Amino acid sequence: MNFGLTQMPDREEKPRTNGLTMVMDKGLSLEETKNFLSIGYPHVDILKLGFGTAFVTPNLREKIEAYQSLDIPVYFGGTLFEAFLIRNQFDDYIALCKDYKITYMEVSDGSITIPHTEKCGYIEKLTQHGTVLSEVGSKDAEHIIPPYKWIELMKAELSAGSTYVIAEARESGNVGIYRGSGEVREGLVQEILTQIPEQKIIWEAPQKAQQLYFLELLGCNANFGNIAPAEVISLEAMRLGLRGDTFNLFLKK
């Protein structure tokens, strides 16, 4: 940090296992990536190349290496995993990850239907090749999953070897754990937390109001996903009570 302030929350330092900021890169150019890293890298814990953008991104290898050179793990979005899977190219997906030195992998079923035991089987297989993140929840706003089912799925995927489970919200933050308006489904979130350790959940939270909800609920070390590159510094300031929304959150009464 650039100067001293008292009464600051106890923010975990990198490399973190809690208080993660997962950033979603939806198509930064190589130069934009370097510019973003020049200011954002201290606050980025994991970098996701969103959905299937890796397939069409020029200079992909150089871009991935730019992140990896600063010890930021990169992984391909779950939609790309599903695109390989539906084409019966699971082994090709593993080969792709090895080729690009990708050691984080996301297993999701937001766009295709996979029997859950089969999904857990893919998680188990991929743990032999690196760190697995698995996403729970549907991208279909009409598909409402009851709380008990969220808990059941999360428990099974953690048992299968996922290091973290990701609570689905899409990049827009209007499905899954949120209503169409972006409002948090509070009852769902709080019921999940009765059974699943908060340290094991990455909450997709692209909107400021969503981030604020989890900071108030869980503190400065909540795990966030789908953060836009331009919002990384703002989020870190918000985590530390240095934005109006959280200004009084960590001050001693």
C-alpha atoms as a PDB file:
ATOM      1  CA  MET A   1       0.000   0.000   0.000  1.00  0.00           C
ATOM      2  CA  ASN A   2       1.151   3.508  -0.698  1.00  0.00           C
ATOM      3  CA  PHE A   3       0.774   4.977   2.804  1.00  0.00           C
ATOM      4  CA  GLY A   4      -0.354   4.113   6.324  1.00  0.00           C
ATOM      5  CA  LEU A   5      -3.895   4.068   7.655  1.00  0.00           C
ATOM      6  CA  THR A   6      -5.074   2.660  10.952  1.00  0.00           C
ATOM      7  CA  GLN A   7      -8.231   0.591  11.462  1.00  0.00           C
ATOM      8  CA  MET A   8      -7.829  -1.318   8.212  1.00  0.00           C
ATOM      9  CA  PRO A   9      -9.422  -4.762   7.839  1.00  0.00           C
ATOM     10  CA  ASP A  10      -7.190  -7.833   7.881  1.00  0.00           C
ATOM     11  CA  ARG A  11      -6.912  -8.468   4.146  1.00  0.00           C
ATOM     12  CA  GLU A  12      -5.186 -11.706   3.183  1.00  0.00           C
ATOM     13  CA  GLU A  13      -2.030 -11.219   1.116  1.00  0.00           C
ATOM     14  CA  LYS A  14      -1.124 -12.978  -2.121  1.00  0.00           C
ATOM     15  CA  PRO A  15      -0.873 -15.829  -2.774  1.00  0.00           C
ATOM     16  CA  ARG A  16      -4.328 -16.023  -1.216  1.00  0.00           C
ATOM     17  CA  THR A  17      -6.595 -18.965  -0.580  1.00  0.00           C
ATOM     18  CA  ASN A  18      -9.409 -16.708   0.605  1.00  0.00           C
ATOM     19  CA  GLY A  19     -10.466 -13.223  -0.428  1.00  0.00           C
ATOM     20  CA  LEU A  20      -9.916 -14.084  -4.087  1.00  0.00           C
ATOM     21  CA  THR A  21     -10.575 -11.721  -6.943  1.00  0.00           C
ATOM     22  CA  MET A  22     -11.186 -13.662 -10.134  1.00  0.00           C
ATOM     23  CA  VAL A  23     -11.103 -11.341 -13.131  1.00  0.00           C
ATOM     24  CA  MET A  24     -12.961 -12.062 -16.345  1.00  0.00           C
ATOM     25  CA  ASP A  25     -11.107 -11.077 -19.506  1.00  0.00           C
ATOM     26  CA  LYS A  26     -13.641 -10.966 -22.338  1.00  0.00           C
ATOM     27  CA  GLY A  27     -11.218  -9.939 -25.062  1.00  0.00           C
ATOM     28  CA  LEU A  28      -8.480  -7.541 -23.996  1.00  0.00           C
ATOM     29  CA  SER A  29      -5.798  -7.044 -26.604  1.00  0.00           C
ATOM     30  CA  LEU A  30      -2.222  -7.938 -25.759  1.00  0.00           C
ATOM     31  CA  GLU A  31      -1.373  -4.284 -25.157  1.00  0.00           C
ATOM     32  CA  GLU A  32      -4.521  -3.750 -23.102  1.00  0.00           C
ATOM     33  CA  THR A  33      -3.549  -6.794 -21.046  1.00  0.00           C
ATOM     34  CA  LYS A  34      -0.120  -5.331 -20.330  1.00  0.00           C
ATOM     35  CA  ASN A  35      -1.657  -1.953 -19.436  1.00  0.00           C
ATOM     36  CA  PHE A  36      -4.171  -3.626 -17.121  1.00  0.00           C
ATOM     37  CA  LEU A  37      -1.456  -5.653 -15.398  1.00  0.00           C
ATOM     38  CA  SER A  38       0.661  -2.549 -14.827  1.00  0.00           C
ATOM     39  CA  ILE A  39      -1.866  -1.444 -12.212  1.00  0.00           C
ATOM     40  CA  GLY A  40      -4.118  -4.415 -11.525  1.00  0.00           C
ATOM     41  CA  TYR A  41      -1.752  -7.355 -11.007  1.00  0.00           C
ATOM     42  CA  PRO A  42      -1.312  -6.997  -7.185  1.00  0.00           C
ATOM     43  CA  HIS A  43      -5.060  -7.471  -6.770  1.00  0.00           C
ATOM     44  CA  VAL A  44      -5.766 -10.255  -9.283  1.00  0.00           C
ATOM     45  CA  ASP A  45      -5.699 -13.813  -7.944  1.00  0.00           C
ATOM     46  CA  ILE A  46      -7.108 -15.755 -10.900  1.00  0.00           C
ATOM     47  CA  LEU A  47      -7.768 -14.749 -14.508  1.00  0.00           C
ATOM     48  CA  LYS A  48     -10.547 -16.285 -16.581  1.00  0.00           C
ATOM     49  CA  LEU A  49     -10.580 -15.997 -20.349  1.00  0.00           C
ATOM     50  CA  GLY A  50     -14.346 -15.618 -20.557  1.00  0.00           C
ATOM     51  CA  PHE A  51     -16.617 -18.198 -22.173  1.00  0.00           C
ATOM     52  CA  GLY A  52     -15.118 -19.197 -25.570  1.00  0.00           C
ATOM     53  CA  THR A  53     -13.073 -16.068 -26.261  1.00  0.00           C
ATOM     54  CA  ALA A  54      -9.783 -17.994 -26.196  1.00  0.00           C
ATOM     55  CA  PHE A  55     -10.723 -19.642 -29.493  1.00  0.00           C
ATOM     56  CA  VAL A  56     -10.833 -16.320 -31.360  1.00  0.00           C
ATOM     57  CA  THR A  57      -8.279 -14.207 -29.434  1.00  0.00           C
ATOM     58  CA  PRO A  58      -5.197 -13.177 -31.464  1.00  0.00           C
ATOM     59  CA  ASN A  59      -1.800 -13.544 -29.761  1.00  0.00           C
ATOM     60  CA  LEU A  60      -3.380 -15.925 -27.259  1.00  0.00           C
ATOM     61  CA  ARG A  61      -0.157 -17.578 -26.157  1.00  0.00           C
ATOM     62  CA  GLU A  62       1.603 -14.247 -25.553  1.00  0.00           C
ATOM     63  CA  LYS A  63      -1.413 -12.975 -23.647  1.00  0.00           C
ATOM     64  CA  ILE A  64      -1.550 -16.012 -21.374  1.00  0.00           C
ATOM     65  CA  GLU A  65       2.205 -15.785 -20.787  1.00  0.00           C
ATOM     66  CA  ALA A  66       1.826 -12.116 -19.776  1.00  0.00           C
ATOM     67  CA  TYR A  67      -0.515 -13.158 -16.952  1.00  0.00           C
ATOM     68  CA  GLN A  68       1.536 -16.200 -15.996  1.00  0.00           C
ATOM     69  CA  SER A  69       4.750 -14.163 -15.844  1.00  0.00           C
ATOM     70  CA  LEU A  70       3.233 -12.367 -12.835  1.00  0.00           C
ATOM     71  CA  ASP A  71       2.139 -15.645 -11.198  1.00  0.00           C
ATOM     72  CA  ILE A  72      -1.518 -15.098 -12.044  1.00  0.00           C
ATOM     73  CA  PRO A  73      -3.179 -18.439 -12.841  1.00  0.00           C
ATOM     74  CA  VAL A  74      -5.153 -18.373 -16.087  1.00  0.00           C
ATOM     75  CA  TYR A  75      -8.005 -20.662 -17.048  1.00  0.00           C
ATOM     76  CA  PHE A  76     -10.424 -21.069 -19.921  1.00  0.00           C
ATOM     77  CA  GLY A  77     -14.085 -20.256 -19.305  1.00  0.00           C
ATOM     78  CA  GLY A  78     -16.405 -23.129 -18.562  1.00  0.00           C
ATOM     79  CA  THR A  79     -18.272 -22.620 -21.835  1.00  0.00           C
ATOM     80  CA  LEU A  80     -15.122 -23.628 -23.723  1.00  0.00           C
ATOM     81  CA  PHE A  81     -14.883 -26.801 -21.621  1.00  0.00           C
ATOM     82  CA  GLU A  82     -18.499 -27.549 -22.547  1.00  0.00           C
ATOM     83  CA  ALA A  83     -17.802 -26.844 -26.229  1.00  0.00           C
ATOM     84  CA  PHE A  84     -15.051 -29.474 -26.203  1.00  0.00           C
ATOM     85  CA  LEU A  85     -17.163 -31.907 -24.205  1.00  0.00           C
ATOM     86  CA  ILE A  86     -20.239 -31.800 -26.451  1.00  0.00           C
ATOM     87  CA  ARG A  87     -17.943 -32.541 -29.414  1.00  0.00           C
ATOM     88  CA  ASN A  88     -16.457 -35.577 -27.624  1.00  0.00           C
ATOM     89  CA  GLN A  89     -13.079 -33.807 -27.357  1.00  0.00           C
ATOM     90  CA  PHE A  90     -12.386 -34.094 -23.635  1.00  0.00           C
ATOM     91  CA  ASP A  91      -8.858 -35.438 -24.228  1.00  0.00           C
ATOM     92  CA  ASP A  92      -8.228 -32.580 -26.652  1.00  0.00           C
ATOM     93  CA  TYR A  93      -9.231 -30.157 -23.895  1.00  0.00           C
ATOM     94  CA  ILE A  94      -6.644 -31.667 -21.553  1.00  0.00           C
ATOM     95  CA  ALA A  95      -4.019 -31.449 -24.324  1.00  0.00           C
ATOM     96  CA  LEU A  96      -4.952 -27.789 -24.916  1.00  0.00           C
ATOM     97  CA  CYS A  97      -4.443 -26.947 -21.247  1.00  0.00           C
ATOM     98  CA  LYS A  98      -1.068 -28.689 -21.223  1.00  0.00           C
ATOM     99  CA  ASP A  99       0.021 -26.904 -24.393  1.00  0.00           C
ATOM    100  CA  TYR A 100      -0.697 -23.481 -22.882  1.00  0.00           C
ATOM    101  CA  LYS A 101       0.605 -24.474 -19.424  1.00  0.00           C
ATOM    102  CA  ILE A 102      -2.874 -23.947 -17.979  1.00  0.00           C
ATOM    103  CA  THR A 103      -3.073 -25.553 -14.536  1.00  0.00           C
ATOM    104  CA  TYR A 104      -6.503 -24.223 -13.504  1.00  0.00           C
ATOM    105  CA  MET A 105      -9.575 -25.732 -15.180  1.00  0.00           C
ATOM    106  CA  GLU A 106     -13.270 -24.997 -14.891  1.00  0.00           C
ATOM    107  CA  VAL A 107     -15.911 -27.701 -15.115  1.00  0.00           C
ATOM    108  CA  SER A 108     -19.387 -26.347 -15.768  1.00  0.00           C
ATOM    109  CA  ASP A 109     -22.715 -27.448 -17.185  1.00  0.00           C
ATOM    110  CA  GLY A 110     -24.421 -24.114 -17.681  1.00  0.00           C
ATOM    111  CA  SER A 111     -24.959 -24.522 -21.421  1.00  0.00           C
ATOM    112  CA  ILE A 112     -25.289 -28.293 -21.809  1.00  0.00           C
ATOM    113  CA  THR A 113     -26.892 -30.995 -19.722  1.00  0.00           C
ATOM    114  CA  ILE A 114     -24.445 -33.391 -18.058  1.00  0.00           C
ATOM    115  CA  PRO A 115     -25.589 -36.033 -15.556  1.00  0.00           C
ATOM    116  CA  HIS A 116     -24.146 -34.899 -12.253  1.00  0.00           C
ATOM    117  CA  THR A 117     -22.276 -38.115 -11.560  1.00  0.00           C
ATOM    118  CA  GLU A 118     -20.625 -37.698 -14.971  1.00  0.00           C
ATOM    119  CA  LYS A 119     -19.742 -34.071 -14.183  1.00  0.00           C
ATOM    120  CA  CYS A 120     -18.106 -35.190 -10.940  1.00  0.00           C
ATOM    121  CA  GLY A 121     -16.199 -37.787 -12.946  1.00  0.00           C
ATOM    122  CA  TYR A 122     -14.723 -35.044 -15.133  1.00  0.00           C
ATOM    123  CA  ILE A 123     -13.773 -33.127 -11.986  1.00  0.00           C
ATOM    124  CA  GLU A 124     -11.964 -36.191 -10.627  1.00  0.00           C
ATOM    125  CA  LYS A 125     -10.096 -36.700 -13.907  1.00  0.00           C
ATOM    126  CA  LEU A 126      -9.012 -33.070 -14.176  1.00  0.00           C
ATOM    127  CA  THR A 127      -7.663 -32.984 -10.626  1.00  0.00           C
ATOM    128  CA  GLN A 128      -4.869 -35.186 -11.971  1.00  0.00           C
ATOM    129  CA  HIS A 129      -3.808 -32.274 -14.179  1.00  0.00           C
ATOM    130  CA  GLY A 130      -4.267 -29.243 -11.926  1.00  0.00           C
ATOM    131  CA  THR A 131      -6.632 -27.163  -9.802  1.00  0.00           C
ATOM    132  CA  VAL A 132     -10.314 -27.570 -10.601  1.00  0.00           C
ATOM    133  CA  LEU A 133     -12.999 -24.933 -10.195  1.00  0.00           C
ATOM    134  CA  SER A 134     -16.535 -26.165 -10.762  1.00  0.00           C
ATOM    135  CA  GLU A 135     -19.508 -23.983 -11.476  1.00  0.00           C
ATOM    136  CA  VAL A 136     -22.936 -24.646  -9.978  1.00  0.00           C
ATOM    137  CA  GLY A 137     -26.091 -23.074 -11.375  1.00  0.00           C
ATOM    138  CA  SER A 138     -27.734 -22.609 -14.744  1.00  0.00           C
ATOM    139  CA  LYS A 139     -27.325 -19.794 -17.253  1.00  0.00           C
ATOM    140  CA  ASP A 140     -31.045 -20.190 -18.002  1.00  0.00           C
ATOM    141  CA  ALA A 141     -32.966 -17.643 -15.932  1.00  0.00           C
ATOM    142  CA  GLU A 142     -36.067 -19.853 -16.127  1.00  0.00           C
ATOM    143  CA  HIS A 143     -34.265 -22.783 -14.500  1.00  0.00           C
ATOM    144  CA  ILE A 144     -34.608 -22.154 -10.765  1.00  0.00           C
ATOM    145  CA  ILE A 145     -32.578 -24.538  -8.598  1.00  0.00           C
ATOM    146  CA  PRO A 146     -33.880 -24.907  -5.009  1.00  0.00           C
ATOM    147  CA  PRO A 147     -31.441 -24.227  -2.157  1.00  0.00           C
ATOM    148  CA  TYR A 148     -31.173 -27.864  -1.043  1.00  0.00           C
ATOM    149  CA  LYS A 149     -30.098 -28.814  -4.567  1.00  0.00           C
ATOM    150  CA  TRP A 150     -27.414 -26.089  -4.697  1.00  0.00           C
ATOM    151  CA  ILE A 151     -26.013 -27.482  -1.442  1.00  0.00           C
ATOM    152  CA  GLU A 152     -26.185 -31.084  -2.653  1.00  0.00           C
ATOM    153  CA  LEU A 153     -24.386 -30.234  -5.926  1.00  0.00           C
ATOM    154  CA  MET A 154     -21.708 -28.126  -4.230  1.00  0.00           C
ATOM    155  CA  LYS A 155     -20.971 -30.812  -1.646  1.00  0.00           C
ATOM    156  CA  ALA A 156     -20.643 -33.491  -4.315  1.00  0.00           C
ATOM    157  CA  GLU A 157     -18.324 -31.383  -6.483  1.00  0.00           C
ATOM    158  CA  LEU A 158     -16.071 -30.467  -3.574  1.00  0.00           C
ATOM    159  CA  SER A 159     -15.929 -34.151  -2.636  1.00  0.00           C
ATOM    160  CA  ALA A 160     -15.011 -34.983  -6.242  1.00  0.00           C
ATOM    161  CA  GLY A 161     -11.967 -32.717  -5.988  1.00  0.00           C
ATOM    162  CA  SER A 162     -12.990 -29.159  -6.812  1.00  0.00           C
ATOM    163  CA  THR A 163     -10.874 -26.653  -4.901  1.00  0.00           C
ATOM    164  CA  TYR A 164     -13.623 -24.048  -5.211  1.00  0.00           C
ATOM    165  CA  VAL A 165     -17.222 -24.076  -6.345  1.00  0.00           C
ATOM    166  CA  ILE A 166     -18.368 -21.066  -8.339  1.00  0.00           C
ATOM    167  CA  ALA A 167     -21.892 -19.761  -7.774  1.00  0.00           C
ATOM    168  CA  GLU A 168     -23.242 -18.991 -11.244  1.00  0.00           C
ATOM    169  CA  ALA A 169     -24.389 -15.498 -12.174  1.00  0.00           C
ATOM    170  CA  ARG A 170     -23.085 -15.008 -15.755  1.00  0.00           C
ATOM    171  CA  GLU A 171     -21.027 -11.945 -16.635  1.00  0.00           C
ATOM    172  CA  SER A 172     -24.145  -9.771 -16.309  1.00  0.00           C
ATOM    173  CA  GLY A 173     -25.081 -10.890 -12.773  1.00  0.00           C
ATOM    174  CA  ASN A 174     -28.766 -11.607 -13.404  1.00  0.00           C
ATOM    175  CA  VAL A 175     -29.215 -15.387 -13.090  1.00  0.00           C
ATOM    176  CA  GLY A 176     -28.309 -18.111 -10.597  1.00  0.00           C
ATOM    177  CA  ILE A 177     -27.802 -16.564  -7.178  1.00  0.00           C
ATOM    178  CA  TYR A 178     -29.412 -13.334  -8.416  1.00  0.00           C
ATOM    179  CA  ARG A 179     -32.842 -12.391  -9.653  1.00  0.00           C
ATOM    180  CA  GLY A 180     -33.281 -10.928 -13.124  1.00  0.00           C
ATOM    181  CA  SER A 181     -32.955  -7.446 -11.619  1.00  0.00           C
ATOM    182  CA  GLY A 182     -29.519  -8.322 -10.194  1.00  0.00           C
ATOM    183  CA  GLU A 183     -30.897  -8.494  -6.640  1.00  0.00           C
ATOM    184  CA  VAL A 184     -29.271 -11.155  -4.455  1.00  0.00           C
ATOM    185  CA  ARG A 185     -31.398 -14.188  -3.629  1.00  0.00           C
ATOM    186  CA  GLU A 186     -30.521 -13.703   0.035  1.00  0.00           C
ATOM    187  CA  GLY A 187     -32.356 -16.731   1.373  1.00  0.00           C
ATOM    188  CA  LEU A 188     -30.534 -18.970  -1.099  1.00  0.00           C
ATOM    189  CA  VAL A 189     -27.110 -17.507  -0.264  1.00  0.00           C
ATOM    190  CA  GLN A 190     -27.603 -17.763   3.474  1.00  0.00           C
ATOM    191  CA  GLU A 191     -28.911 -21.320   3.247  1.00  0.00           C
ATOM    192  CA  ILE A 192     -25.897 -22.350   1.148  1.00  0.00           C
ATOM    193  CA  LEU A 193     -23.624 -20.887   3.818  1.00  0.00           C
ATOM    194  CA  THR A 194     -25.150 -23.097   6.503  1.00  0.00           C
ATOM    195  CA  GLN A 195     -23.642 -26.128   4.738  1.00  0.00           C
ATOM    196  CA  ILE A 196     -20.775 -24.967   2.506  1.00  0.00           C
ATOM    197  CA  PRO A 197     -17.703 -23.132   3.933  1.00  0.00           C
ATOM    198  CA  GLU A 198     -17.528 -19.590   2.586  1.00  0.00           C
ATOM    199  CA  GLN A 199     -13.811 -20.085   1.848  1.00  0.00           C
ATOM    200  CA  LYS A 200     -14.778 -22.728  -0.733  1.00  0.00           C
ATOM    201  CA  ILE A 201     -17.218 -20.562  -2.693  1.00  0.00           C
ATOM    202  CA  ILE A 202     -16.421 -17.993  -5.380  1.00  0.00           C
ATOM    203  CA  TRP A 203     -19.424 -15.725  -5.807  1.00  0.00           C
ATOM    204  CA  GLU A 204     -19.790 -14.352  -9.321  1.00  0.00           C
ATOM    205  CA  ALA A 205     -20.523 -10.713  -8.527  1.00  0.00           C
ATOM    206  CA  PRO A 206     -19.997  -8.343 -11.457  1.00  0.00           C
ATOM    207  CA  GLN A 207     -22.217  -5.582 -10.031  1.00  0.00           C
ATOM    208  CA  LYS A 208     -21.183  -3.188  -7.251  1.00  0.00           C
ATOM    209  CA  ALA A 209     -24.364  -3.768  -5.220  1.00  0.00           C
ATOM    210  CA  GLN A 210     -23.693  -7.519  -5.305  1.00  0.00           C
ATOM    211  CA  GLN A 211     -20.116  -7.041  -4.122  1.00  0.00           C
ATOM    212  CA  LEU A 212     -21.339  -4.791  -1.325  1.00  0.00           C
ATOM    213  CA  TYR A 213     -23.827  -7.427  -0.156  1.00  0.00           C
ATOM    214  CA  PHE A 214     -21.125 -10.071   0.241  1.00  0.00           C
ATOM    215  CA  LEU A 215     -18.636  -7.671   1.857  1.00  0.00           C
ATOM    216  CA  GLU A 216     -21.250  -6.770   4.461  1.00  0.00           C
ATOM    217  CA  LEU A 217     -22.138 -10.429   4.951  1.00  0.00           C
ATOM    218  CA  LEU A 218     -18.677 -12.058   4.886  1.00  0.00           C
ATOM    219  CA  GLY A 219     -16.137  -9.274   5.342  1.00  0.00           C
ATOM    220  CA  CYS A 220     -13.256  -8.052   3.214  1.00  0.00           C
ATOM    221  CA  ASN A 221     -12.080 -11.558   2.285  1.00  0.00           C
ATOM    222  CA  ALA A 222     -15.145 -12.689   0.368  1.00  0.00           C
ATOM    223  CA  ASN A 223     -14.255 -14.565  -2.835  1.00  0.00           C
ATOM    224  CA  PHE A 224     -15.450 -12.782  -5.983  1.00  0.00           C
ATOM    225  CA  GLY A 225     -15.652 -13.889  -9.600  1.00  0.00           C
ATOM    226  CA  ASN A 226     -16.433 -12.283 -12.949  1.00  0.00           C
ATOM    227  CA  ILE A 227     -14.869  -8.958 -11.997  1.00  0.00           C
ATOM    228  CA  ALA A 228     -14.217  -6.692 -14.970  1.00  0.00           C
ATOM    229  CA  PRO A 229     -10.589  -5.567 -15.412  1.00  0.00           C
ATOM    230  CA  ALA A 230     -11.615  -1.917 -15.109  1.00  0.00           C
ATOM    231  CA  GLU A 231     -13.240  -2.631 -11.716  1.00  0.00           C
ATOM    232  CA  VAL A 232     -10.324  -4.357  -9.955  1.00  0.00           C
ATOM    233  CA  ILE A 233      -8.890  -1.277  -8.235  1.00  0.00           C
ATOM    234  CA  SER A 234     -12.353  -0.043  -7.273  1.00  0.00           C
ATOM    235  CA  LEU A 235     -13.205  -3.423  -5.764  1.00  0.00           C
ATOM    236  CA  GLU A 236      -9.987  -3.571  -3.743  1.00  0.00           C
ATOM    237  CA  ALA A 237     -10.663  -0.088  -2.352  1.00  0.00           C
ATOM    238  CA  MET A 238     -14.201  -1.192  -1.512  1.00  0.00           C
ATOM    239  CA  ARG A 239     -12.874  -4.294   0.263  1.00  0.00           C
ATOM    240  CA  LEU A 240     -10.782  -2.051   2.509  1.00  0.00           C
ATOM    241  CA  GLY A 241     -13.495   0.453   3.433  1.00  0.00           C
ATOM    242  CA  LEU A 242     -12.095   3.110   1.109  1.00  0.00           C
ATOM    243  CA  ARG A 243     -15.243   3.697  -0.903  1.00  0.00           C
ATOM    244  CA  GLY A 244     -18.379   5.396   0.301  1.00  0.00           C
ATOM    245  CA  ASP A 245     -20.414   2.195   0.265  1.00  0.00           C
ATOM    246  CA  THR A 246     -18.106   0.480   2.786  1.00  0.00           C
ATOM    247  CA  PHE A 247     -16.570   3.519   4.494  1.00  0.00           C
ATOM    248  CA  ASN A 248     -17.926   2.692   7.963  1.00  0.00           C
ATOM    249  CA  LEU A 249     -17.814  -1.077   7.624  1.00  0.00           C
ATOM    250  CA  PHE A 250     -14.477  -1.651   9.317  1.00  0.00           C
ATOM    251  CA  LEU A 251     -14.106   1.408  11.544  1.00  0.00           C
ATOM    252  CA  LYS A 252     -14.124   0.735  15.258  1.00  0.00           C
ATOM    253  CA  LYS A 253     -17.308   1.864  16.925  1.00  0.00           C
END
